[in-house]
Protein backbone atom coordinates (compact mmCIF):
# COMPACT_ATOMS: atom_id res chain seq x y z
CA MET A 1 46.09 -18.51 103.68
CA ALA A 2 48.23 -20.23 101.05
CA GLY A 3 45.21 -22.18 99.78
CA TRP A 4 43.17 -18.97 99.53
CA VAL A 5 45.90 -17.30 97.43
CA ALA A 6 46.20 -20.38 95.21
CA ASP A 7 42.44 -20.38 94.64
CA ARG A 8 42.47 -16.74 93.55
CA MET A 9 45.46 -17.30 91.29
CA ILE A 10 43.73 -20.24 89.59
CA ILE A 11 40.57 -18.20 89.02
CA LEU A 12 42.56 -15.23 87.67
CA VAL A 13 44.59 -17.40 85.29
CA MET A 14 41.46 -19.21 84.08
CA LEU A 15 39.71 -15.87 83.57
CA LEU A 16 42.57 -14.82 81.30
CA ALA A 17 42.44 -18.20 79.52
CA VAL A 18 38.70 -17.96 78.83
CA THR A 19 39.04 -14.38 77.60
CA ALA A 20 41.96 -15.30 75.35
CA THR A 21 40.02 -18.26 73.93
CA PHE A 22 37.22 -16.02 72.66
CA THR A 23 39.27 -12.98 71.64
CA LEU A 24 42.71 -14.09 70.40
CA SER A 25 42.21 -15.86 67.08
CA SER A 26 44.92 -17.31 64.85
CA ALA A 27 44.20 -14.49 62.37
CA MET A 28 44.87 -11.92 65.08
CA LEU A 29 48.11 -13.63 66.10
CA THR A 30 49.19 -13.69 62.44
CA ASN A 31 48.32 -10.00 62.11
CA TRP A 32 50.52 -9.33 65.13
CA LYS A 33 53.42 -11.09 63.35
CA ILE A 34 53.26 -14.06 65.69
CA HIS A 35 54.08 -17.26 63.79
CA TYR A 36 51.24 -19.35 65.16
CA LEU A 37 50.18 -20.88 61.83
CA THR A 38 52.89 -19.51 59.55
CA ALA A 39 56.41 -20.87 59.06
CA GLY A 40 59.27 -19.54 61.17
CA GLY A 41 59.31 -18.02 64.62
CA GLY A 42 60.19 -19.45 67.98
CA PHE A 43 58.86 -22.63 69.57
CA TYR A 44 56.75 -20.67 72.04
CA GLU A 45 54.89 -18.94 69.19
CA LYS A 46 53.37 -22.23 68.04
CA PHE A 47 51.12 -22.51 71.10
CA HIS A 48 47.98 -20.44 71.60
CA PRO A 49 48.12 -18.15 74.67
CA ALA A 50 45.02 -19.88 76.07
CA THR A 51 46.94 -23.18 76.09
CA GLY A 52 49.76 -21.79 78.21
CA LEU A 53 47.34 -20.12 80.64
CA THR A 54 45.23 -23.28 81.00
CA PHE A 55 48.24 -25.45 81.67
CA LEU A 56 49.46 -22.90 84.24
CA ALA A 57 46.09 -23.10 86.01
CA PHE A 58 46.25 -26.90 85.87
CA GLY A 59 49.73 -26.85 87.43
CA LEU A 60 48.54 -24.53 90.21
CA LEU A 61 45.62 -26.87 90.82
CA LEU A 62 47.95 -29.84 91.26
CA LEU A 63 50.35 -27.98 93.55
CA ARG A 64 47.73 -26.31 95.69
CA HIS A 65 47.85 -28.92 98.47
CA GLY A 66 51.48 -29.92 97.87
CA ASP A 67 50.44 -33.40 96.72
CA PRO A 68 50.31 -33.41 92.89
CA VAL A 69 50.32 -37.21 92.62
CA GLY A 70 47.41 -37.55 95.01
CA GLU A 71 45.56 -34.73 93.24
CA ILE A 72 45.98 -36.48 89.88
CA ASP A 73 44.72 -39.73 91.41
CA ARG A 74 41.62 -38.02 92.82
CA MET A 75 41.05 -36.14 89.58
CA PHE A 76 41.06 -39.17 87.28
CA SER A 77 39.26 -41.44 89.73
CA ARG A 78 36.20 -39.26 89.12
CA SER A 79 36.77 -39.05 85.33
CA LYS A 80 37.95 -42.47 84.18
CA LEU A 81 36.87 -41.92 80.57
CA ILE A 82 39.34 -39.05 80.36
CA LEU A 83 42.12 -41.65 80.73
CA LEU A 84 40.78 -43.44 77.63
CA TYR A 85 40.80 -40.18 75.71
CA LEU A 86 44.37 -39.37 76.79
CA GLY A 87 45.44 -42.90 75.83
CA CYS A 88 44.04 -42.47 72.31
CA TRP A 89 45.58 -39.01 72.09
CA SER A 90 49.01 -40.37 73.10
CA PHE A 91 49.06 -42.57 69.98
CA LEU A 92 48.78 -39.41 67.88
CA LEU A 93 51.64 -37.85 69.85
CA VAL A 94 53.84 -40.89 69.19
CA GLN A 95 53.02 -40.73 65.48
CA MET A 96 54.00 -37.06 65.35
CA PHE A 97 57.44 -37.84 66.81
CA VAL A 98 58.02 -40.97 64.72
CA LEU A 99 57.16 -39.18 61.45
CA ASN A 100 58.90 -35.93 62.49
CA ARG A 101 55.75 -33.84 62.11
CA PRO A 102 54.79 -30.74 64.16
CA PHE A 103 53.02 -31.94 67.30
CA THR A 104 51.67 -28.53 68.37
CA VAL A 105 48.66 -29.25 66.13
CA ILE A 106 47.33 -31.90 68.49
CA ILE A 107 48.21 -29.88 71.63
CA ASP A 108 45.97 -26.89 70.92
CA THR A 109 43.27 -28.81 69.08
CA PHE A 110 42.88 -31.98 71.17
CA LEU A 111 44.75 -31.62 74.48
CA LEU A 112 43.65 -28.11 75.49
CA PRO A 113 39.92 -29.07 75.66
CA VAL A 114 40.45 -31.93 78.12
CA VAL A 115 42.72 -29.84 80.39
CA LEU A 116 40.05 -27.13 80.40
CA CYS A 117 37.50 -29.72 81.52
CA LEU A 118 39.69 -30.98 84.34
CA VAL A 119 40.29 -27.48 85.69
CA ILE A 120 36.71 -26.17 85.34
CA TRP A 121 35.20 -29.31 86.88
CA HIS A 122 37.29 -28.70 90.00
CA LEU A 123 35.99 -25.18 90.53
CA SER A 124 33.05 -24.45 92.80
CA PRO A 125 29.99 -22.53 91.50
CA MET A 126 31.21 -19.31 93.13
CA GLN A 127 34.64 -19.74 91.56
CA ARG A 128 33.14 -20.40 88.13
CA LYS A 129 30.97 -17.29 88.23
CA PRO A 130 33.65 -14.85 86.89
CA LEU A 131 34.38 -17.31 84.09
CA VAL A 132 30.68 -17.53 83.22
CA TRP A 133 30.45 -13.74 83.03
CA ALA A 134 33.59 -13.62 80.89
CA THR A 135 32.03 -16.15 78.50
CA HIS A 136 28.82 -14.13 78.16
CA LEU A 137 30.62 -10.82 77.69
CA THR A 138 33.21 -12.02 75.18
CA ILE A 139 30.61 -13.80 73.02
CA LEU A 140 28.34 -10.74 73.04
CA LEU A 141 31.34 -8.55 72.22
CA ASN A 142 32.02 -10.70 69.17
CA VAL A 143 28.36 -10.45 68.15
CA CYS A 144 28.49 -6.64 68.34
CA LEU A 145 31.73 -6.53 66.36
CA GLY A 146 30.20 -8.90 63.81
CA TYR A 147 27.34 -6.46 63.22
CA TYR A 148 29.86 -3.61 62.92
CA GLU A 149 31.97 -5.45 60.33
CA TYR A 150 28.92 -6.47 58.33
CA PHE A 151 27.26 -3.06 58.11
CA SER A 152 30.45 -0.98 57.84
CA GLY A 153 32.24 -3.27 55.42
CA HIS A 154 35.43 -2.80 57.47
CA ARG A 155 37.17 -5.90 58.79
CA LEU A 156 38.95 -5.39 62.11
CA ILE A 157 41.45 -8.19 61.46
CA PRO A 158 42.47 -9.35 57.96
CA LEU A 159 41.06 -12.81 57.21
CA THR A 160 43.93 -15.23 56.67
CA LEU A 161 44.23 -18.98 56.27
CA GLY A 162 47.83 -19.70 57.19
CA ASP A 163 49.93 -17.59 54.83
CA VAL A 164 47.00 -16.95 52.47
CA LEU A 165 45.20 -13.61 52.73
CA VAL A 166 41.51 -13.98 51.87
CA VAL A 167 40.12 -10.95 50.03
CA GLY A 168 36.61 -10.11 48.85
CA GLU A 169 34.94 -11.87 51.81
CA TRP A 170 31.84 -10.04 53.09
CA ARG A 171 31.18 -12.33 56.04
CA ALA A 172 32.14 -10.92 59.44
CA SER A 173 34.54 -12.76 61.72
CA ALA A 174 34.96 -10.33 64.67
CA LEU A 175 37.68 -11.47 67.11
CA LEU A 176 37.10 -15.17 66.39
CA GLY A 177 39.20 -15.16 63.23
CA HIS A 178 36.88 -16.92 60.77
CA PRO A 179 33.18 -16.54 59.87
CA LEU A 180 32.44 -20.26 60.30
CA THR A 181 34.10 -20.32 63.73
CA ALA A 182 32.11 -17.26 64.81
CA SER A 183 28.78 -18.54 63.49
CA GLY A 184 29.27 -21.96 65.09
CA LEU A 185 30.11 -20.52 68.49
CA VAL A 186 27.28 -17.98 68.43
CA GLY A 187 24.90 -20.75 67.29
CA GLY A 188 25.91 -22.83 70.30
CA TYR A 189 25.39 -19.84 72.58
CA ILE A 190 21.88 -19.32 71.19
CA LEU A 191 20.99 -22.95 71.84
CA ALA A 192 22.29 -22.66 75.40
CA LEU A 193 20.13 -19.59 76.06
CA VAL A 194 17.04 -21.22 74.56
CA LEU A 195 17.34 -24.62 76.22
CA ARG A 196 18.57 -23.47 79.64
CA PRO A 197 16.52 -20.42 80.69
CA ALA A 198 18.35 -20.28 84.05
CA LEU A 199 21.29 -18.69 82.22
CA CYS A 200 19.21 -15.51 81.96
CA PRO A 201 16.15 -15.75 84.24
CA ILE A 202 14.58 -12.50 82.97
CA PRO A 203 12.39 -13.60 80.02
CA MET A 204 12.44 -10.28 78.11
CA LEU A 205 16.20 -9.94 78.41
CA ARG A 206 16.76 -13.57 77.37
CA THR A 207 14.44 -13.20 74.37
CA SER A 208 16.24 -10.02 73.33
CA LEU A 209 19.63 -11.70 73.59
CA ILE A 210 18.44 -14.68 71.54
CA ALA A 211 17.05 -12.42 68.81
CA PHE A 212 20.18 -10.25 68.84
CA CYS A 213 22.50 -13.24 68.49
CA LEU A 214 20.26 -14.99 65.95
CA GLY A 215 20.39 -11.94 63.68
CA SER A 216 24.19 -11.94 63.86
CA LEU A 217 24.28 -15.35 62.14
CA MET A 218 23.30 -13.45 58.99
CA ALA A 219 26.33 -11.20 59.48
CA PHE A 220 28.68 -14.12 60.09
CA GLY A 221 27.22 -15.98 57.12
CA GLY A 222 27.44 -19.52 58.48
CA ARG A 223 24.78 -21.52 56.65
CA THR A 224 25.41 -24.75 58.56
CA ALA A 225 25.10 -23.10 61.98
CA LEU A 226 22.06 -21.04 60.92
CA VAL A 227 20.14 -24.02 59.51
CA THR A 228 21.00 -26.24 62.49
CA VAL A 229 19.95 -23.60 65.02
CA LEU A 230 16.68 -22.90 63.17
CA LEU A 231 15.87 -26.61 63.03
CA VAL A 232 16.48 -27.03 66.76
CA LEU A 233 14.41 -23.92 67.53
CA GLY A 234 11.65 -25.24 65.28
CA CYS A 235 11.64 -28.55 67.15
CA VAL A 236 11.49 -26.73 70.51
CA ALA A 237 8.59 -24.57 69.30
CA ALA A 238 6.73 -27.58 67.89
CA ARG A 239 7.17 -29.43 71.19
CA GLU A 240 5.77 -26.47 73.16
CA VAL A 241 2.76 -26.22 70.83
CA TRP A 242 2.16 -29.97 71.19
CA LEU A 243 2.29 -29.75 74.99
CA ILE A 244 -0.14 -26.82 74.96
CA LEU A 245 -2.55 -28.75 72.73
CA ARG A 246 -2.33 -31.63 75.19
CA GLY A 247 -3.38 -29.41 78.08
CA LYS A 248 -0.26 -27.69 79.35
CA ARG A 249 -1.22 -24.64 81.40
CA VAL A 250 0.01 -21.28 80.11
CA SER A 251 -0.68 -17.94 81.78
CA LEU A 252 -2.59 -15.31 79.82
CA PRO A 253 0.24 -12.68 80.08
CA THR A 254 2.64 -15.23 78.58
CA VAL A 255 0.29 -15.85 75.64
CA ILE A 256 -0.15 -12.12 75.04
CA ALA A 257 3.59 -11.44 75.25
CA THR A 258 4.36 -14.34 72.88
CA LEU A 259 1.85 -13.13 70.28
CA CYS A 260 3.20 -9.60 70.49
CA LEU A 261 6.77 -10.85 70.06
CA LEU A 262 5.77 -12.94 67.06
CA PHE A 263 4.15 -9.95 65.35
CA VAL A 264 7.15 -7.74 66.12
CA ALA A 265 9.55 -10.42 64.87
CA ALA A 266 7.56 -10.91 61.65
CA ALA A 267 7.47 -7.15 61.04
CA GLY A 268 11.22 -6.88 61.69
CA ILE A 269 12.04 -9.76 59.33
CA PHE A 270 9.91 -8.31 56.51
CA ALA A 271 11.52 -4.90 57.02
CA ALA A 272 15.00 -6.44 56.90
CA PHE A 273 14.14 -8.28 53.68
CA ASP A 274 12.80 -5.08 52.16
CA LEU A 275 16.00 -3.20 53.06
CA GLY A 276 18.15 -5.96 51.55
CA ILE A 277 19.94 -6.78 54.80
CA PHE A 278 19.66 -10.53 54.18
CA ASP A 279 20.52 -10.43 50.47
CA LYS A 280 24.15 -11.49 50.87
CA MET A 281 23.24 -14.39 53.11
CA LEU A 282 20.47 -15.58 50.78
CA LEU A 283 22.94 -15.55 47.90
CA ARG A 284 25.07 -17.99 49.91
CA PHE A 285 22.29 -20.56 49.48
CA SER A 286 21.83 -19.98 45.74
CA SER A 287 25.49 -19.38 44.81
CA ASP A 288 28.02 -20.81 47.26
CA LYS A 289 31.13 -19.90 45.21
CA GLY A 290 32.20 -23.50 44.77
CA SER A 291 31.72 -24.63 48.36
CA ALA A 292 29.59 -27.63 47.29
CA LEU A 293 32.20 -28.61 44.67
CA ALA A 294 34.90 -28.38 47.32
CA ARG A 295 32.98 -30.83 49.52
CA PHE A 296 32.59 -33.22 46.58
CA ALA A 297 36.33 -32.93 45.88
CA THR A 298 36.96 -33.73 49.56
CA PHE A 299 35.40 -37.19 49.17
CA ASN A 300 37.16 -37.65 45.83
CA LEU A 301 40.51 -36.95 47.48
CA LEU A 302 40.62 -40.33 49.25
CA SER A 303 40.48 -42.20 45.92
CA HIS A 304 43.95 -40.88 45.05
CA PHE A 305 45.64 -42.82 47.87
CA ASP A 306 46.38 -46.54 48.15
CA TRP A 307 45.44 -48.62 51.19
CA HIS A 308 48.88 -48.38 52.78
CA GLU A 309 48.71 -44.57 52.69
CA LEU A 310 45.15 -44.49 54.02
CA ILE A 311 45.90 -46.80 56.94
CA LEU A 312 49.11 -45.15 58.16
CA GLY A 313 48.73 -41.66 56.72
CA PRO A 314 50.06 -40.36 53.38
CA ASN A 315 53.07 -38.12 52.82
CA PRO A 316 52.19 -34.48 53.68
CA THR A 317 53.91 -33.19 50.54
CA ARG A 318 51.80 -35.45 48.35
CA VAL A 319 48.66 -34.40 50.24
CA ASN A 320 49.39 -30.70 49.71
CA ALA A 321 49.98 -31.26 45.99
CA LEU A 322 46.69 -33.14 45.60
CA GLN A 323 44.78 -30.51 47.57
CA ALA A 324 46.09 -27.79 45.26
CA GLN A 325 45.23 -29.90 42.22
CA LEU A 326 41.66 -30.52 43.42
CA GLY A 327 41.07 -26.93 44.51
CA LEU A 328 41.19 -27.61 48.24
CA ASN A 329 43.69 -24.89 49.12
CA TYR A 330 41.53 -23.68 52.02
CA GLY A 331 41.35 -27.11 53.64
CA ILE A 332 39.48 -30.41 53.62
CA GLU A 333 35.90 -29.67 54.64
CA ASN A 334 35.24 -32.81 56.67
CA PHE A 335 36.79 -33.62 60.01
CA TRP A 336 37.09 -37.38 59.57
CA ILE A 337 38.38 -37.29 55.98
CA SER A 338 40.93 -34.66 56.95
CA CYS A 339 42.07 -36.78 59.90
CA ILE A 340 42.48 -39.83 57.66
CA VAL A 341 44.58 -37.76 55.28
CA GLN A 342 46.69 -36.34 58.13
CA PHE A 343 46.97 -39.21 60.59
CA GLY A 344 45.77 -42.34 58.76
CA LEU A 345 42.72 -44.53 59.28
CA ILE A 346 44.00 -46.30 62.41
CA HIS A 347 44.73 -43.10 64.32
CA THR A 348 41.48 -41.52 63.11
CA ILE A 349 39.52 -44.45 64.58
CA LEU A 350 41.44 -44.14 67.86
CA LEU A 351 40.88 -40.39 67.96
CA THR A 352 37.15 -40.85 67.31
CA ILE A 353 36.93 -43.38 70.15
CA GLY A 354 38.73 -40.94 72.43
CA LEU A 355 36.44 -38.06 71.48
CA ILE A 356 33.37 -40.22 72.14
CA ALA A 357 34.75 -41.06 75.60
CA LEU A 358 35.44 -37.38 76.29
CA PHE A 359 31.95 -36.29 75.27
CA VAL A 360 30.32 -39.09 77.25
CA GLU A 361 32.10 -37.73 80.32
CA ILE A 362 31.09 -34.17 79.44
CA ILE A 363 27.44 -35.12 78.81
CA ARG A 364 27.33 -37.01 82.10
CA ARG A 365 28.22 -33.78 83.92
CA ALA A 366 26.12 -31.41 81.80
CA HIS A 367 22.56 -30.13 81.51
CA PRO A 368 20.36 -32.05 79.01
CA ALA A 369 20.61 -29.03 76.68
CA VAL A 370 24.12 -30.24 75.88
CA TRP A 371 22.67 -32.65 73.30
CA ALA A 372 21.76 -29.75 71.02
CA ILE A 373 25.33 -28.40 71.26
CA VAL A 374 26.72 -31.87 70.50
CA LEU A 375 24.47 -32.07 67.43
CA LEU A 376 25.78 -28.69 66.26
CA ILE A 377 29.38 -29.84 66.81
CA LEU A 378 28.79 -33.00 64.77
CA VAL A 379 27.22 -31.04 61.89
CA ILE A 380 30.09 -28.54 61.89
CA ALA A 381 32.68 -31.34 61.99
CA ALA A 382 31.05 -33.10 59.03
CA SER A 383 30.73 -29.99 56.85
CA SER A 384 33.83 -27.85 57.45
CA VAL A 385 37.54 -27.93 58.25
CA SER A 386 36.60 -27.39 61.92
CA PHE A 387 38.75 -29.36 64.39
CA SER A 388 40.90 -31.09 61.76
CA SER A 389 43.23 -28.10 61.54
CA LYS A 390 45.28 -26.34 64.18
CA ASN A 391 42.80 -24.19 66.11
CA ILE A 392 41.01 -23.87 69.46
CA GLN A 393 37.44 -24.22 68.18
CA LEU A 394 36.81 -27.44 70.12
CA ALA A 395 38.11 -25.75 73.28
CA GLN A 396 35.61 -22.91 72.72
CA PHE A 397 32.71 -25.35 72.59
CA ILE A 398 34.03 -27.15 75.68
CA ILE A 399 34.08 -23.87 77.63
CA LEU A 400 30.56 -23.11 76.42
CA ILE A 401 29.29 -26.47 77.69
CA THR A 402 31.20 -26.77 80.97
CA LEU A 403 30.56 -23.20 82.13
CA LEU A 404 27.06 -22.48 80.80
CA LEU A 405 25.49 -25.95 80.93
CA PRO A 406 26.56 -27.65 84.18
CA ARG A 407 24.28 -30.38 85.49
CA ASP A 408 24.75 -29.68 89.19
CA PRO A 409 26.10 -26.20 89.98
CA SER A 410 26.49 -27.09 93.68
CA GLY A 411 28.47 -30.26 93.02
CA ALA A 412 31.93 -28.73 93.19
CA THR A 413 34.96 -30.79 94.05
CA PRO A 414 36.05 -30.18 97.65
CA ALA A 415 39.64 -29.51 96.50
CA LEU A 416 38.81 -25.95 95.53
CA ARG A 417 35.89 -25.17 97.82
CA THR A 418 36.49 -22.30 100.20
CA ALA A 419 34.65 -21.30 103.32
CA SER A 420 32.91 -18.44 101.53
CA ASP A 421 31.53 -20.70 98.77
CA LYS A 422 27.92 -21.68 99.41
CA PRO A 423 25.91 -24.10 97.32
CA ILE A 424 23.51 -22.41 94.91
CA ARG A 425 20.29 -24.04 93.79
CA ILE A 426 19.23 -23.12 90.27
CA GLN A 427 15.91 -24.15 88.84
CA ARG A 428 16.04 -26.17 85.67
């Protein structure tokens, strides 16, 4: 009986954590006068609610059988690369304490994702099902709100970057706090739907969802996510055409439905162009308001530091002054350069090694479609502030992969399997 109650408590807490991850952005917390990114406030305000909920679920998982040490041993014996990641992360934690810098940055950004993995991997398919539904519903809710913000011109939550209020921004952000965060997450969701049809077995419904979400990338205005998704979709389409030319059998109703959808899609795109719906997004490609110059200034920033500063990490005050001088007030738009500036070259190399170990473990447990998501993550990391600042964007992608793209849905860990949980076979 106690184990049954613990199971339900873990699922409930994780359901709240997943929902909070996709609905409670840093901009929303700032709008609610919670000092998550801004100066002041209590210590508890510096952690995202999803972090506290995930750690609570992790604690319940360890205490479920009354043997936390044994549970930890079993947990890491199946995920040895996670130990390498945590070892690399611990060097960052030590640096934060030695240099008297806020360490909550690396908790939400780099520790939350791995704890999410450890908890989700120890849930059975039946126990993950509410979390999967929560992921679908919250992402689609953000897509709907993105359309509303774009067409109405009314932003639900003011767009802020720390203490700075961003005005004159047409791109929607919904509940995800920032247009680039929203477009990246929705782009990953589109790739998951395309490359793993089992997520939505009904072809017409899945096609409608893909088209609905793909159109929202225009509202969110993320060029990087849009181009990456279109390239992956183009490669998938080219591969299907090649297989058909080589003799792959296709039913006549499928051919007819595909041709009809192509004609409808073409007509819809031409109508949208004629109505000017895509005008703002197209202007992003011809006039990016200095975004390209900001990326050039990002690379130029490193030339202002000597080797000692680059290896161990420069003084934050000097970094802030140089960013303001070079016009990088909104952040350094490259994950690795930003990490070098914040943590130094040594810790950036260690962190990169740790992230590689983490993703190797994730890929080992995931559907082959995960490679497209990893490609999208790499492109986003190389072209935006992304995971180099205090946020939960990496945790959002981790939830997307672990819940929507599992390799073996029936391979749950016995620790959380109940008598009512039955293995489910899903066609790939």
